[in-house]
Amino acid sequence: NESSSVFTCPQDGCVKVFQRLSSLEKHLSLEKCTKSLEKRSLLDFAKLGYKSRLEEGTTSQVISFASFRNTREAISGEVEVKEGWALKPSEKAYRFNQNQRDYLNAKFTIGQTSGRKLDGDIVSREIRRAQGPDGVRLFKVSEFLTPQQCTSYFSRLAAKVRRQTSDDAEIQAVEEEENFTMARETILSITLQHPITYNPYDICAMAKGGSLERLKLGMLQNICQQLELEVPPKPVRRKAFYVDLLKKAVNKFTCQLRGQNM
């Protein structure tokens, strides 16, 4: 019965199997065989190696264990092993360029101002999307930083700040400020928080200094959308509209009010 038969490809190494003779004939006409390497065990490789040595005549002389041990000791005596060869090689310290330091310093300053602890994972992802005022990416792929590198850099900056504020009263004031910030973050978790920031710009400071107009129209649109401001469904082709939205949002916070009273 042809329908119940199994037809295999007659080509050497081909693993194709067909249920119909017509399928086999079509396969042979196309000449597209699927070959699979033969699986061999470690014992098979040992047998093949022994066979090749017998054919080459390399085993015509019996090698005793004593001669093998002497040969091994002679070989090992010629190799000079340096001290510490088994230790894990130390990695070279990575040096940040000026562009990376400026970006991380700006993020650290924002974190100090807001009282929010910086997360290395978040900063590492933001670096990959960071753009300048002209909308061009700030960093190349080779300049991307890992979360561990960001965290280490922030730790060094924090240690430097702690050394500068070694007085006990100032340290206590910092701790109280951190506690206050944590409580404020809990209360304001569903609203915009002071200062309003957008990777890595301080929107409050830019609104106060009148530098929001320097940003590109597309970046202003993205900032307003990220802050969930009242942006119309159809994009407005005027920078002044988005600048006014950001200024209105900034006016709700005490940072801008204090700047106006000073």
Protein backbone atom coordinates (compact mmCIF):
# COMPACT_ATOMS: atom_id res chain seq x y z
CA ASN A 1 0.00 0.00 0.00
CA GLU A 2 1.68 3.22 -1.18
CA SER A 3 -0.16 5.48 1.29
CA SER A 4 1.19 3.59 4.34
CA SER A 5 4.77 3.24 3.05
CA VAL A 6 7.71 5.39 4.14
CA PHE A 7 10.12 6.54 1.44
CA THR A 8 13.62 7.64 2.42
CA CYS A 9 16.01 9.69 0.32
CA PRO A 10 18.65 7.42 -1.29
CA GLN A 11 21.35 10.14 -1.11
CA ASP A 12 24.11 9.50 1.45
CA GLY A 13 23.63 11.50 4.62
CA CYS A 14 20.15 12.81 3.79
CA VAL A 15 17.66 12.39 6.66
CA LYS A 16 14.49 13.29 4.71
CA VAL A 17 11.55 10.81 4.93
CA PHE A 18 8.39 10.98 2.81
CA GLN A 19 4.99 9.26 2.97
CA ARG A 20 4.29 9.54 -0.77
CA LEU A 21 6.44 8.49 -3.67
CA SER A 22 5.57 11.69 -5.54
CA SER A 23 7.01 13.76 -2.69
CA LEU A 24 10.25 11.77 -2.87
CA GLU A 25 10.48 12.26 -6.63
CA LYS A 26 9.93 16.00 -6.22
CA HIS A 27 12.61 16.11 -3.53
CA LEU A 28 15.09 14.31 -5.81
CA SER A 29 14.34 16.67 -8.67
CA LEU A 30 15.03 19.74 -6.52
CA GLU A 31 18.24 18.23 -5.10
CA LYS A 32 17.75 19.88 -1.71
CA CYS A 33 18.89 17.21 0.70
CA THR A 34 19.00 17.81 4.44
CA LYS A 35 22.08 16.20 5.90
CA SER A 36 22.83 15.67 9.57
CA LEU A 37 26.23 15.07 11.09
CA GLU A 38 26.68 11.66 12.58
CA LYS A 39 26.75 11.78 16.38
CA ARG A 40 29.69 10.02 17.93
CA SER A 41 30.40 9.27 21.56
CA LEU A 42 33.68 9.91 23.35
CA LEU A 43 34.44 6.17 23.09
CA ASP A 44 33.99 6.35 19.31
CA PHE A 45 36.51 9.20 19.07
CA ALA A 46 38.94 7.23 21.24
CA LYS A 47 38.64 4.19 18.98
CA LEU A 48 39.16 6.30 15.85
CA GLY A 49 42.21 7.96 17.39
CA TYR A 50 43.67 4.61 18.38
CA LYS A 51 43.04 3.30 14.85
CA SER A 52 44.85 6.26 13.26
CA ARG A 53 47.83 5.79 15.57
CA LEU A 54 48.04 2.10 14.65
CA GLU A 55 47.94 2.97 10.96
CA GLU A 56 50.67 5.61 11.36
CA GLY A 57 52.88 3.22 13.34
CA THR A 58 53.33 5.60 16.29
CA THR A 59 52.54 2.84 18.77
CA SER A 60 55.13 0.38 17.54
CA GLN A 61 57.09 1.02 20.73
CA VAL A 62 55.50 0.41 24.10
CA ILE A 63 55.61 3.50 26.30
CA SER A 64 56.07 2.66 29.96
CA PHE A 65 54.54 4.71 32.77
CA ALA A 66 57.97 5.59 34.10
CA SER A 67 59.12 7.07 30.80
CA PHE A 68 55.85 8.97 30.48
CA ARG A 69 56.31 10.42 33.98
CA ASN A 70 59.89 11.47 33.23
CA THR A 71 58.82 13.11 30.01
CA ARG A 72 56.04 14.99 31.78
CA GLU A 73 58.40 16.22 34.49
CA ALA A 74 60.94 17.34 31.90
CA ILE A 75 58.32 19.30 30.01
CA SER A 76 56.88 20.89 33.14
CA GLY A 77 60.37 21.91 34.26
CA GLU A 78 60.89 23.99 31.13
CA VAL A 79 57.75 26.09 31.67
CA GLU A 80 58.27 29.22 33.78
CA VAL A 81 55.15 30.07 35.76
CA LYS A 82 54.92 33.65 36.99
CA GLU A 83 53.71 34.46 40.48
CA GLY A 84 49.98 35.10 40.68
CA TRP A 85 49.16 33.24 37.45
CA ALA A 86 46.03 31.69 39.00
CA LEU A 87 44.59 35.01 40.23
CA LYS A 88 41.72 36.66 38.40
CA PRO A 89 43.05 39.53 36.27
CA SER A 90 42.07 42.93 37.59
CA GLU A 91 39.93 45.12 35.35
CA LYS A 92 41.25 48.50 34.29
CA ALA A 93 39.43 51.48 35.77
CA TYR A 94 37.08 53.15 33.30
CA ARG A 95 37.71 56.88 32.78
CA PHE A 96 34.62 59.00 32.14
CA ASN A 97 34.92 61.64 29.44
CA GLN A 98 33.86 65.24 30.01
CA ASN A 99 30.47 64.77 28.35
CA GLN A 100 29.64 61.81 30.60
CA ARG A 101 30.80 63.64 33.74
CA ASP A 102 28.73 66.72 32.90
CA TYR A 103 25.61 64.60 32.38
CA LEU A 104 26.07 62.58 35.59
CA ASN A 105 26.88 65.73 37.59
CA ALA A 106 23.68 67.35 36.32
CA LYS A 107 21.64 64.28 37.32
CA PHE A 108 23.33 64.23 40.73
CA THR A 109 22.58 67.93 41.28
CA ILE A 110 18.92 67.35 40.43
CA GLY A 111 18.84 64.45 42.86
CA GLN A 112 20.38 66.59 45.60
CA THR A 113 17.87 69.37 44.95
CA SER A 114 14.83 67.08 44.89
CA GLY A 115 16.02 64.76 47.64
CA ARG A 116 15.23 61.70 45.50
CA LYS A 117 17.84 58.95 45.46
CA LEU A 118 19.20 58.26 42.00
CA ASP A 119 18.75 54.77 40.58
CA GLY A 120 21.68 53.54 38.46
CA ASP A 121 19.40 51.35 36.31
CA ILE A 122 17.13 54.28 35.42
CA VAL A 123 20.03 56.66 34.72
CA SER A 124 21.72 54.03 32.52
CA ARG A 125 18.56 53.71 30.41
CA GLU A 126 18.10 57.50 30.24
CA ILE A 127 21.66 57.93 28.93
CA ARG A 128 20.73 55.87 25.87
CA ARG A 129 17.91 58.32 25.04
CA ALA A 130 19.46 61.60 26.22
CA GLN A 131 19.31 64.44 23.69
CA GLY A 132 20.79 67.93 23.56
CA PRO A 133 18.85 71.19 23.03
CA ASP A 134 19.06 70.62 19.27
CA GLY A 135 17.47 67.17 19.51
CA VAL A 136 20.71 65.30 18.73
CA ARG A 137 21.74 62.35 20.89
CA LEU A 138 24.30 63.28 23.53
CA PHE A 139 26.12 59.94 23.57
CA LYS A 140 27.40 57.40 21.11
CA VAL A 141 26.88 53.69 21.65
CA SER A 142 30.47 53.37 22.88
CA GLU A 143 29.75 56.00 25.56
CA PHE A 144 26.77 54.18 27.12
CA LEU A 145 27.28 53.39 30.80
CA THR A 146 26.20 50.37 32.81
CA PRO A 147 24.04 50.71 35.95
CA GLN A 148 27.05 49.75 38.09
CA GLN A 149 29.17 52.52 36.56
CA CYS A 150 26.44 55.11 37.22
CA THR A 151 25.94 53.93 40.79
CA SER A 152 29.68 53.99 41.51
CA TYR A 153 30.02 57.52 40.16
CA PHE A 154 27.10 58.78 42.26
CA SER A 155 28.55 57.06 45.33
CA ARG A 156 31.85 58.91 44.88
CA LEU A 157 30.02 62.23 44.50
CA ALA A 158 27.93 61.50 47.60
CA ALA A 159 31.06 60.65 49.59
CA LYS A 160 32.64 63.92 48.47
CA VAL A 161 29.57 65.84 49.60
CA ARG A 162 29.61 64.06 52.96
CA ARG A 163 33.26 65.00 53.48
CA GLN A 164 32.42 68.62 52.80
CA THR A 165 29.58 68.53 55.34
CA SER A 166 31.32 66.68 58.15
CA ASP A 167 29.79 68.77 60.90
CA ASP A 168 27.36 66.74 63.05
CA ALA A 169 24.64 69.37 62.94
CA GLU A 170 24.77 69.55 59.15
CA ILE A 171 24.65 65.76 58.88
CA GLN A 172 21.60 65.69 61.11
CA ALA A 173 19.97 68.41 58.98
CA VAL A 174 20.63 66.32 55.86
CA GLU A 175 19.02 63.27 57.45
CA GLU A 176 15.98 65.30 58.45
CA GLU A 177 15.72 66.65 54.92
CA GLU A 178 15.86 63.12 53.52
CA ASN A 179 13.07 62.01 55.86
CA PHE A 180 11.00 65.01 54.87
CA THR A 181 11.60 64.30 51.19
CA MET A 182 10.50 60.68 51.58
CA ALA A 183 7.27 61.81 53.22
CA ARG A 184 6.68 64.42 50.53
CA GLU A 185 7.24 61.87 47.76
CA THR A 186 4.63 59.62 49.33
CA ILE A 187 2.08 62.45 49.39
CA LEU A 188 2.86 63.77 45.92
CA SER A 189 3.35 60.40 44.19
CA ILE A 190 0.40 60.99 41.88
CA THR A 191 1.27 64.59 40.92
CA LEU A 192 4.19 66.47 39.44
CA GLN A 193 7.06 66.85 41.87
CA HIS A 194 9.46 69.70 42.49
CA PRO A 195 11.69 70.24 40.68
CA ILE A 196 10.15 69.30 37.35
CA THR A 197 12.88 67.48 35.41
CA TYR A 198 13.25 65.89 32.01
CA ASN A 199 16.43 63.97 31.19
CA PRO A 200 18.58 65.86 32.34
CA TYR A 201 17.01 69.32 32.26
CA ASP A 202 15.66 71.17 35.30
CA ILE A 203 12.47 72.64 33.85
CA CYS A 204 11.91 74.86 36.93
CA ALA A 205 15.35 76.44 36.61
CA MET A 206 14.99 76.86 32.84
CA ALA A 207 11.58 78.53 33.22
CA LYS A 208 12.98 80.89 35.84
CA GLY A 209 15.98 81.73 33.66
CA GLY A 210 13.92 82.09 30.47
CA SER A 211 15.87 79.42 28.61
CA LEU A 212 12.96 77.14 27.64
CA GLU A 213 12.76 78.86 24.25
CA ARG A 214 16.17 77.40 23.34
CA LEU A 215 14.72 73.89 23.12
CA LYS A 216 13.50 72.51 19.82
CA LEU A 217 9.77 72.32 19.10
CA GLY A 218 9.81 68.52 19.04
CA MET A 219 11.53 68.32 22.43
CA LEU A 220 9.06 70.79 23.96
CA GLN A 221 6.21 68.60 22.68
CA ASN A 222 7.81 65.46 24.16
CA ILE A 223 8.34 67.16 27.54
CA CYS A 224 4.71 68.28 27.75
CA GLN A 225 3.48 64.81 26.79
CA GLN A 226 5.77 63.09 29.32
CA LEU A 227 4.56 65.46 32.07
CA GLU A 228 0.95 64.71 31.01
CA LEU A 229 0.07 68.37 30.53
CA GLU A 230 -3.03 69.44 28.62
CA VAL A 231 -1.64 68.93 25.12
CA PRO A 232 -4.18 69.09 22.23
CA PRO A 233 -4.55 65.94 20.10
CA LYS A 234 -3.32 67.81 17.02
CA PRO A 235 0.25 69.11 17.50
CA VAL A 236 0.63 72.89 17.60
CA ARG A 237 3.42 74.23 15.39
CA ARG A 238 4.36 77.04 17.78
CA LYS A 239 7.00 76.81 20.52
CA ALA A 240 5.31 79.57 22.55
CA PHE A 241 2.27 77.35 23.20
CA TYR A 242 4.32 74.59 24.85
CA VAL A 243 6.54 77.08 26.69
CA ASP A 244 3.41 78.64 28.23
CA LEU A 245 2.18 75.19 29.33
CA LEU A 246 5.47 74.47 31.08
CA LYS A 247 5.57 77.88 32.74
CA LYS A 248 2.03 77.39 34.08
CA ALA A 249 3.05 74.01 35.52
CA VAL A 250 6.15 75.51 37.12
CA ASN A 251 4.14 78.37 38.70
CA LYS A 252 2.34 75.80 40.88
CA PHE A 253 5.52 75.03 42.85
CA THR A 254 7.21 76.96 45.61
CA CYS A 255 10.58 77.02 43.80
CA GLN A 256 9.21 79.50 41.26
CA LEU A 257 7.30 81.48 43.89
CA ARG A 258 10.44 81.89 46.00
CA GLY A 259 12.32 83.05 42.91
CA GLN A 260 9.71 85.73 42.25
CA ASN A 261 9.76 87.03 45.82
CA MET A 262 13.55 87.30 45.95
